[in-house]
Amino acid sequence: MINLLEEEPVHIAGVLVKAFPHNTQAIALKLNALPGTEVHEISDDGSMVVTVEATDKEKNVVDIITKLSVFEGVLDASLIFHHNDAGLVPHAKNNDGKINFK
């Protein structure tokens, strides 16, 4: 979930991961174990819908996608969607707790 008060831009990537259908459950467990990575859907044909969330400071989203693409049993990993909040208007909380958009 994006916190608009984060100091570092948050990157969210949607990735389509393909694997042989008999391997998907084992691969999904490995993918879910990666920090910031979550498998949302697995189809009968071996396709998996995965999201990856990262900040520039924590880890590079491209490095995570590359890492999951070379997991044993993964045939392909394709970036489908990418969003980052680096272009949002700078903001901060006022003393009264309200957000001040600069």
N, C-alpha and C. Protein backbone atom coordinates (compact mmCIF):
# COMPACT_ATOMS: atom_id res chain seq x y z
N MET A 1 0.84 -1.18 0.00
CA MET A 1 0.00 0.00 0.00
C MET A 1 0.88 1.24 0.00
N ILE A 2 0.54 2.22 -0.79
CA ILE A 2 1.34 3.43 -0.89
C ILE A 2 1.02 4.36 0.27
N ASN A 3 2.04 4.78 0.98
CA ASN A 3 1.91 5.77 2.03
C ASN A 3 2.38 7.09 1.44
N LEU A 4 1.47 8.04 1.30
CA LEU A 4 1.83 9.31 0.65
C LEU A 4 2.83 10.12 1.44
N LEU A 5 3.14 9.71 2.65
CA LEU A 5 4.12 10.44 3.45
C LEU A 5 5.50 9.80 3.42
N GLU A 6 5.70 8.81 2.58
CA GLU A 6 7.01 8.18 2.44
C GLU A 6 8.02 9.17 1.90
N GLU A 7 9.24 9.08 2.37
CA GLU A 7 10.30 9.95 1.88
C GLU A 7 10.88 9.45 0.57
N GLU A 8 10.90 8.15 0.38
CA GLU A 8 11.44 7.54 -0.84
C GLU A 8 10.29 7.17 -1.78
N PRO A 9 10.48 7.33 -3.08
CA PRO A 9 9.44 6.89 -4.02
C PRO A 9 9.18 5.39 -3.90
N VAL A 10 7.91 5.01 -3.98
CA VAL A 10 7.53 3.61 -3.93
C VAL A 10 7.27 3.14 -5.36
N HIS A 11 7.84 2.01 -5.72
CA HIS A 11 7.64 1.42 -7.04
C HIS A 11 6.73 0.21 -6.88
N ILE A 12 5.74 0.11 -7.75
CA ILE A 12 4.86 -1.05 -7.78
C ILE A 12 4.90 -1.60 -9.20
N ALA A 13 5.22 -2.89 -9.31
CA ALA A 13 5.30 -3.52 -10.63
C ALA A 13 4.36 -4.71 -10.67
N GLY A 14 3.64 -4.82 -11.78
CA GLY A 14 2.83 -6.00 -12.04
C GLY A 14 3.60 -6.88 -13.02
N VAL A 15 3.76 -8.14 -12.68
CA VAL A 15 4.58 -9.05 -13.46
C VAL A 15 3.77 -10.31 -13.79
N LEU A 16 3.86 -10.74 -15.04
CA LEU A 16 3.27 -12.02 -15.44
C LEU A 16 4.40 -13.04 -15.46
N VAL A 17 4.28 -14.04 -14.60
CA VAL A 17 5.29 -15.10 -14.51
C VAL A 17 4.70 -16.36 -15.12
N LYS A 18 5.45 -16.99 -16.01
CA LYS A 18 5.02 -18.25 -16.64
C LYS A 18 5.90 -19.39 -16.14
N ALA A 19 5.23 -20.52 -15.88
CA ALA A 19 5.93 -21.73 -15.44
C ALA A 19 5.15 -22.94 -15.94
N PHE A 20 5.77 -24.11 -15.88
CA PHE A 20 5.02 -25.32 -16.19
C PHE A 20 3.94 -25.48 -15.13
N PRO A 21 2.73 -25.84 -15.54
CA PRO A 21 1.61 -25.91 -14.59
C PRO A 21 1.86 -26.78 -13.36
N HIS A 22 2.61 -27.86 -13.49
CA HIS A 22 2.84 -28.72 -12.34
C HIS A 22 3.79 -28.09 -11.31
N ASN A 23 4.48 -27.00 -11.66
CA ASN A 23 5.43 -26.34 -10.76
C ASN A 23 4.88 -25.09 -10.08
N THR A 24 3.70 -24.65 -10.45
CA THR A 24 3.26 -23.32 -10.03
C THR A 24 3.12 -23.16 -8.51
N GLN A 25 2.62 -24.15 -7.83
CA GLN A 25 2.44 -24.00 -6.38
C GLN A 25 3.79 -23.85 -5.66
N ALA A 26 4.77 -24.66 -6.03
CA ALA A 26 6.10 -24.57 -5.41
C ALA A 26 6.77 -23.24 -5.74
N ILE A 27 6.63 -22.80 -6.98
CA ILE A 27 7.23 -21.52 -7.39
C ILE A 27 6.53 -20.37 -6.68
N ALA A 28 5.21 -20.44 -6.55
CA ALA A 28 4.47 -19.38 -5.86
C ALA A 28 4.94 -19.23 -4.42
N LEU A 29 5.24 -20.33 -3.75
CA LEU A 29 5.76 -20.26 -2.38
C LEU A 29 7.09 -19.53 -2.34
N LYS A 30 7.97 -19.81 -3.30
CA LYS A 30 9.27 -19.13 -3.36
C LYS A 30 9.11 -17.64 -3.66
N LEU A 31 8.20 -17.32 -4.59
CA LEU A 31 8.00 -15.92 -4.94
C LEU A 31 7.41 -15.13 -3.77
N ASN A 32 6.45 -15.73 -3.08
CA ASN A 32 5.86 -15.06 -1.92
C ASN A 32 6.86 -14.84 -0.79
N ALA A 33 7.92 -15.63 -0.76
CA ALA A 33 8.94 -15.48 0.28
C ALA A 33 9.86 -14.29 0.04
N LEU A 34 9.88 -13.78 -1.20
CA LEU A 34 10.72 -12.61 -1.49
C LEU A 34 10.08 -11.36 -0.88
N PRO A 35 10.85 -10.53 -0.18
CA PRO A 35 10.28 -9.31 0.41
C PRO A 35 9.65 -8.42 -0.66
N GLY A 36 8.43 -7.95 -0.39
CA GLY A 36 7.74 -7.05 -1.31
C GLY A 36 7.10 -7.73 -2.50
N THR A 37 7.12 -9.06 -2.54
CA THR A 37 6.59 -9.81 -3.67
C THR A 37 5.37 -10.62 -3.23
N GLU A 38 4.32 -10.60 -4.06
CA GLU A 38 3.12 -11.34 -3.73
C GLU A 38 2.50 -11.93 -4.99
N VAL A 39 2.18 -13.22 -4.93
CA VAL A 39 1.47 -13.89 -6.01
C VAL A 39 -0.02 -13.73 -5.74
N HIS A 40 -0.75 -13.19 -6.72
CA HIS A 40 -2.17 -12.92 -6.52
C HIS A 40 -3.07 -13.95 -7.19
N GLU A 41 -2.62 -14.51 -8.28
CA GLU A 41 -3.46 -15.44 -9.04
C GLU A 41 -2.59 -16.44 -9.76
N ILE A 42 -3.06 -17.68 -9.83
CA ILE A 42 -2.37 -18.74 -10.57
C ILE A 42 -3.40 -19.39 -11.49
N SER A 43 -3.09 -19.45 -12.78
CA SER A 43 -4.02 -20.08 -13.73
C SER A 43 -3.60 -21.52 -14.01
N ASP A 44 -4.50 -22.24 -14.60
CA ASP A 44 -4.24 -23.65 -14.93
C ASP A 44 -3.14 -23.83 -15.96
N ASP A 45 -2.86 -22.79 -16.76
CA ASP A 45 -1.84 -22.91 -17.81
C ASP A 45 -0.43 -22.55 -17.32
N GLY A 46 -0.28 -22.26 -16.01
CA GLY A 46 1.03 -21.94 -15.45
C GLY A 46 1.34 -20.46 -15.36
N SER A 47 0.38 -19.61 -15.68
CA SER A 47 0.58 -18.16 -15.57
C SER A 47 0.29 -17.71 -14.14
N MET A 48 1.12 -16.79 -13.65
CA MET A 48 0.93 -16.24 -12.31
C MET A 48 0.97 -14.72 -12.37
N VAL A 49 0.02 -14.10 -11.70
CA VAL A 49 0.00 -12.65 -11.59
C VAL A 49 0.70 -12.29 -10.29
N VAL A 50 1.77 -11.49 -10.40
CA VAL A 50 2.63 -11.17 -9.27
C VAL A 50 2.80 -9.66 -9.17
N THR A 51 2.80 -9.14 -7.94
CA THR A 51 3.18 -7.74 -7.76
C THR A 51 4.47 -7.68 -6.97
N VAL A 52 5.24 -6.65 -7.28
CA VAL A 52 6.50 -6.39 -6.59
C VAL A 52 6.46 -4.94 -6.13
N GLU A 53 6.70 -4.70 -4.85
CA GLU A 53 6.75 -3.35 -4.30
C GLU A 53 8.12 -3.11 -3.69
N ALA A 54 8.68 -1.94 -3.97
CA ALA A 54 10.00 -1.62 -3.43
C ALA A 54 10.20 -0.11 -3.46
N THR A 55 11.11 0.35 -2.61
CA THR A 55 11.56 1.75 -2.69
C THR A 55 12.99 1.74 -3.20
N ASP A 56 13.43 2.86 -3.74
CA ASP A 56 14.80 2.94 -4.23
C ASP A 56 15.80 2.66 -3.11
N LYS A 57 15.47 3.09 -1.91
CA LYS A 57 16.37 2.94 -0.77
C LYS A 57 16.47 1.47 -0.33
N GLU A 58 15.33 0.76 -0.27
CA GLU A 58 15.29 -0.63 0.19
C GLU A 58 15.96 -1.58 -0.80
N LYS A 59 15.43 -1.55 -2.03
CA LYS A 59 15.87 -2.50 -3.04
C LYS A 59 15.38 -2.01 -4.39
N ASN A 60 16.00 -2.48 -5.42
CA ASN A 60 15.64 -2.07 -6.77
C ASN A 60 14.60 -3.04 -7.33
N VAL A 61 13.47 -2.51 -7.77
CA VAL A 61 12.38 -3.36 -8.27
C VAL A 61 12.84 -4.18 -9.49
N VAL A 62 13.71 -3.63 -10.32
CA VAL A 62 14.21 -4.38 -11.48
C VAL A 62 15.06 -5.57 -11.03
N ASP A 63 15.85 -5.39 -9.99
CA ASP A 63 16.64 -6.51 -9.47
C ASP A 63 15.76 -7.64 -8.96
N ILE A 64 14.65 -7.28 -8.32
CA ILE A 64 13.73 -8.30 -7.80
C ILE A 64 13.09 -9.06 -8.95
N ILE A 65 12.65 -8.34 -9.98
CA ILE A 65 12.03 -8.99 -11.13
C ILE A 65 13.03 -9.90 -11.84
N THR A 66 14.27 -9.46 -11.96
CA THR A 66 15.31 -10.29 -12.57
C THR A 66 15.54 -11.54 -11.74
N LYS A 67 15.56 -11.38 -10.41
CA LYS A 67 15.79 -12.53 -9.53
C LYS A 67 14.66 -13.56 -9.68
N LEU A 68 13.41 -13.10 -9.73
CA LEU A 68 12.32 -14.08 -9.84
C LEU A 68 12.25 -14.70 -11.22
N SER A 69 12.79 -14.02 -12.23
CA SER A 69 12.75 -14.56 -13.59
C SER A 69 13.73 -15.72 -13.79
N VAL A 70 14.72 -15.83 -12.92
CA VAL A 70 15.70 -16.91 -13.07
C VAL A 70 15.51 -18.02 -12.02
N PHE A 71 14.41 -17.98 -11.29
CA PHE A 71 14.11 -19.07 -10.37
C PHE A 71 13.97 -20.36 -11.16
N GLU A 72 14.42 -21.46 -10.58
CA GLU A 72 14.27 -22.75 -11.22
C GLU A 72 12.79 -23.03 -11.45
N GLY A 73 12.43 -23.39 -12.66
CA GLY A 73 11.04 -23.69 -13.00
C GLY A 73 10.30 -22.53 -13.63
N VAL A 74 10.84 -21.31 -13.52
CA VAL A 74 10.21 -20.16 -14.16
C VAL A 74 10.65 -20.11 -15.62
N LEU A 75 9.68 -20.05 -16.52
CA LEU A 75 9.97 -20.00 -17.95
C LEU A 75 10.16 -18.57 -18.43
N ASP A 76 9.38 -17.64 -17.87
CA ASP A 76 9.42 -16.26 -18.33
C ASP A 76 8.80 -15.36 -17.27
N ALA A 77 9.29 -14.14 -17.20
CA ALA A 77 8.70 -13.11 -16.33
C ALA A 77 8.65 -11.83 -17.14
N SER A 78 7.45 -11.29 -17.31
CA SER A 78 7.27 -10.10 -18.14
C SER A 78 6.67 -8.97 -17.31
N LEU A 79 7.30 -7.81 -17.37
CA LEU A 79 6.77 -6.63 -16.71
C LEU A 79 5.53 -6.19 -17.47
N ILE A 80 4.41 -6.09 -16.78
CA ILE A 80 3.14 -5.72 -17.40
C ILE A 80 2.77 -4.29 -17.01
N PHE A 81 3.12 -3.88 -15.81
CA PHE A 81 2.73 -2.58 -15.30
C PHE A 81 3.79 -2.08 -14.34
N HIS A 82 4.06 -0.78 -14.37
CA HIS A 82 4.98 -0.18 -13.41
C HIS A 82 4.45 1.19 -13.01
N HIS A 83 4.47 1.46 -11.73
CA HIS A 83 4.07 2.76 -11.21
C HIS A 83 5.07 3.19 -10.15
N ASN A 84 5.39 4.46 -10.12
CA ASN A 84 6.13 5.00 -8.99
C ASN A 84 5.52 6.33 -8.62
N ASP A 85 5.63 6.68 -7.36
CA ASP A 85 5.01 7.91 -6.89
C ASP A 85 6.01 9.05 -6.78
N ALA A 86 7.11 8.97 -7.51
CA ALA A 86 8.15 10.01 -7.44
C ALA A 86 7.64 11.36 -7.94
N GLY A 87 6.63 11.36 -8.80
CA GLY A 87 6.12 12.61 -9.35
C GLY A 87 5.02 13.25 -8.54
N LEU A 88 4.68 12.68 -7.38
CA LEU A 88 3.63 13.27 -6.56
C LEU A 88 4.08 14.60 -5.97
N VAL A 89 3.11 15.44 -5.70
CA VAL A 89 3.39 16.74 -5.10
C VAL A 89 4.02 16.52 -3.73
N PRO A 90 5.13 17.22 -3.42
CA PRO A 90 5.73 17.07 -2.08
C PRO A 90 4.69 17.44 -1.01
N HIS A 91 4.72 16.74 0.10
CA HIS A 91 3.74 16.95 1.14
C HIS A 91 4.33 16.61 2.50
N ALA A 92 3.70 17.11 3.51
CA ALA A 92 4.14 16.83 4.87
C ALA A 92 2.95 17.03 5.80
N LYS A 93 3.02 16.47 6.99
CA LYS A 93 1.96 16.67 7.98
C LYS A 93 2.23 17.98 8.72
N ASN A 94 1.16 18.74 8.94
CA ASN A 94 1.24 19.94 9.77
C ASN A 94 1.22 19.52 11.23
N ASN A 95 1.43 20.45 12.11
CA ASN A 95 1.38 20.15 13.55
C ASN A 95 0.01 19.64 13.97
N ASP A 96 -1.05 20.02 13.24
CA ASP A 96 -2.39 19.57 13.57
C ASP A 96 -2.71 18.19 12.98
N GLY A 97 -1.72 17.56 12.30
CA GLY A 97 -1.89 16.24 11.75
C GLY A 97 -2.48 16.20 10.35
N LYS A 98 -2.85 17.36 9.81
CA LYS A 98 -3.40 17.41 8.46
C LYS A 98 -2.27 17.45 7.45
N ILE A 99 -2.53 16.95 6.25
CA ILE A 99 -1.51 16.93 5.21
C ILE A 99 -1.45 18.29 4.53
N ASN A 100 -0.24 18.79 4.39
CA ASN A 100 0.00 20.06 3.73
C ASN A 100 0.65 19.78 2.38
N PHE A 101 -0.08 20.03 1.30
CA PHE A 101 0.47 19.85 -0.04
C PHE A 101 1.17 21.13 -0.44
N LYS A 102 2.45 21.04 -0.76
CA LYS A 102 3.25 22.23 -1.09
C LYS A 102 3.11 22.60 -2.54
